[in-house]
Amino acid sequence: MRSPSTLVSKNDHLAWGARPLRRIIQKLAHEPLADYLLEKNPAAGTKIRVEVDGKELKMAEG
């Protein structure tokens, strides 16, 4: 499953529009990415790959 599909599949409130999806992206993508950047401290310009691992998104260089 691709990362965008994983995020969209978590939205239980389709009638509410984009607001729930924005919260899902914040929780499952933005916060883990920020943690990854602080922990790994990659060089400027490094590409970060987002992979689906079960029900979670994992960050990796590449």
C-alpha atoms as a PDB file:
ATOM      1  CA  MET A   1       0.000   0.000   0.000  1.00  0.00           C
ATOM      2  CA  ARG A   2       1.298   3.445  -0.827  1.00  0.00           C
ATOM      3  CA  SER A   3       1.725   6.179   1.766  1.00  0.00           C
ATOM      4  CA  PRO A   4      -1.100   8.458   0.516  1.00  0.00           C
ATOM      5  CA  SER A   5      -3.499   5.502   0.427  1.00  0.00           C
ATOM      6  CA  THR A   6      -2.535   4.634   3.989  1.00  0.00           C
ATOM      7  CA  LEU A   7      -3.302   8.158   5.198  1.00  0.00           C
ATOM      8  CA  VAL A   8      -6.619   8.379   3.348  1.00  0.00           C
ATOM      9  CA  SER A   9      -7.698   4.946   4.632  1.00  0.00           C
ATOM     10  CA  LYS A  10      -7.421   6.262   8.224  1.00  0.00           C
ATOM     11  CA  ASN A  11     -10.116   8.908   7.582  1.00  0.00           C
ATOM     12  CA  ASP A  12     -13.314   7.648   9.227  1.00  0.00           C
ATOM     13  CA  HIS A  13     -15.218  10.898   8.640  1.00  0.00           C
ATOM     14  CA  LEU A  14     -15.353  11.479   4.896  1.00  0.00           C
ATOM     15  CA  ALA A  15     -18.352  13.781   5.212  1.00  0.00           C
ATOM     16  CA  TRP A  16     -16.301  16.182   7.362  1.00  0.00           C
ATOM     17  CA  GLY A  17     -14.023  17.044   4.451  1.00  0.00           C
ATOM     18  CA  ALA A  18     -10.280  17.610   4.769  1.00  0.00           C
ATOM     19  CA  ARG A  19     -10.057  18.541   8.462  1.00  0.00           C
ATOM     20  CA  PRO A  20      -9.784  14.947   9.771  1.00  0.00           C
ATOM     21  CA  LEU A  21      -7.285  14.134   7.029  1.00  0.00           C
ATOM     22  CA  ARG A  22      -5.167  17.136   8.027  1.00  0.00           C
ATOM     23  CA  ARG A  23      -5.046  15.813  11.609  1.00  0.00           C
ATOM     24  CA  ILE A  24      -4.148  12.327  10.381  1.00  0.00           C
ATOM     25  CA  ILE A  25      -1.297  13.706   8.277  1.00  0.00           C
ATOM     26  CA  GLN A  26      -0.058  15.735  11.252  1.00  0.00           C
ATOM     27  CA  LYS A  27      -0.079  12.698  13.550  1.00  0.00           C
ATOM     28  CA  LEU A  28       1.197  10.015  11.179  1.00  0.00           C
ATOM     29  CA  ALA A  29       3.547  11.969   8.877  1.00  0.00           C
ATOM     30  CA  HIS A  30       4.617  15.404  10.164  1.00  0.00           C
ATOM     31  CA  GLU A  31       5.424  14.431  13.747  1.00  0.00           C
ATOM     32  CA  PRO A  32       7.382  11.251  12.857  1.00  0.00           C
ATOM     33  CA  LEU A  33       9.257  13.180  10.149  1.00  0.00           C
ATOM     34  CA  ALA A  34      10.218  15.899  12.638  1.00  0.00           C
ATOM     35  CA  ASP A  35      11.395  13.236  15.104  1.00  0.00           C
ATOM     36  CA  TYR A  36      13.395  11.525  12.356  1.00  0.00           C
ATOM     37  CA  LEU A  37      15.073  14.777  11.322  1.00  0.00           C
ATOM     38  CA  LEU A  38      15.996  15.634  14.910  1.00  0.00           C
ATOM     39  CA  GLU A  39      17.322  12.131  15.610  1.00  0.00           C
ATOM     40  CA  LYS A  40      19.240  11.446  12.372  1.00  0.00           C
ATOM     41  CA  ASN A  41      20.216  15.039  11.480  1.00  0.00           C
ATOM     42  CA  PRO A  42      20.602  14.344   7.724  1.00  0.00           C
ATOM     43  CA  ALA A  43      22.643  16.691   5.563  1.00  0.00           C
ATOM     44  CA  ALA A  44      20.853  19.530   3.778  1.00  0.00           C
ATOM     45  CA  GLY A  45      19.308  18.333   0.520  1.00  0.00           C
ATOM     46  CA  THR A  46      18.977  14.712   1.640  1.00  0.00           C
ATOM     47  CA  LYS A  47      15.824  13.053   0.319  1.00  0.00           C
ATOM     48  CA  ILE A  48      13.678  11.286   2.899  1.00  0.00           C
ATOM     49  CA  ARG A  49      11.648   8.292   1.746  1.00  0.00           C
ATOM     50  CA  VAL A  50       8.355   7.462   3.454  1.00  0.00           C
ATOM     51  CA  GLU A  51       7.485   3.768   3.538  1.00  0.00           C
ATOM     52  CA  VAL A  52       4.477   1.909   4.855  1.00  0.00           C
ATOM     53  CA  ASP A  53       5.329  -0.638   7.541  1.00  0.00           C
ATOM     54  CA  GLY A  54       2.139  -2.397   8.537  1.00  0.00           C
ATOM     55  CA  LYS A  55      -0.096   0.425   9.742  1.00  0.00           C
ATOM     56  CA  GLU A  56       2.708   2.927  10.341  1.00  0.00           C
ATOM     57  CA  LEU A  57       4.738   5.211   8.127  1.00  0.00           C
ATOM     58  CA  LYS A  58       8.527   4.838   8.432  1.00  0.00           C
ATOM     59  CA  MET A  59      11.100   7.401   7.348  1.00  0.00           C
ATOM     60  CA  ALA A  60      14.401   6.492   5.680  1.00  0.00           C
ATOM     61  CA  GLU A  61      17.061   8.289   3.689  1.00  0.00           C
ATOM     62  CA  GLY A  62      17.035   7.659   0.008  1.00  0.00           C
END
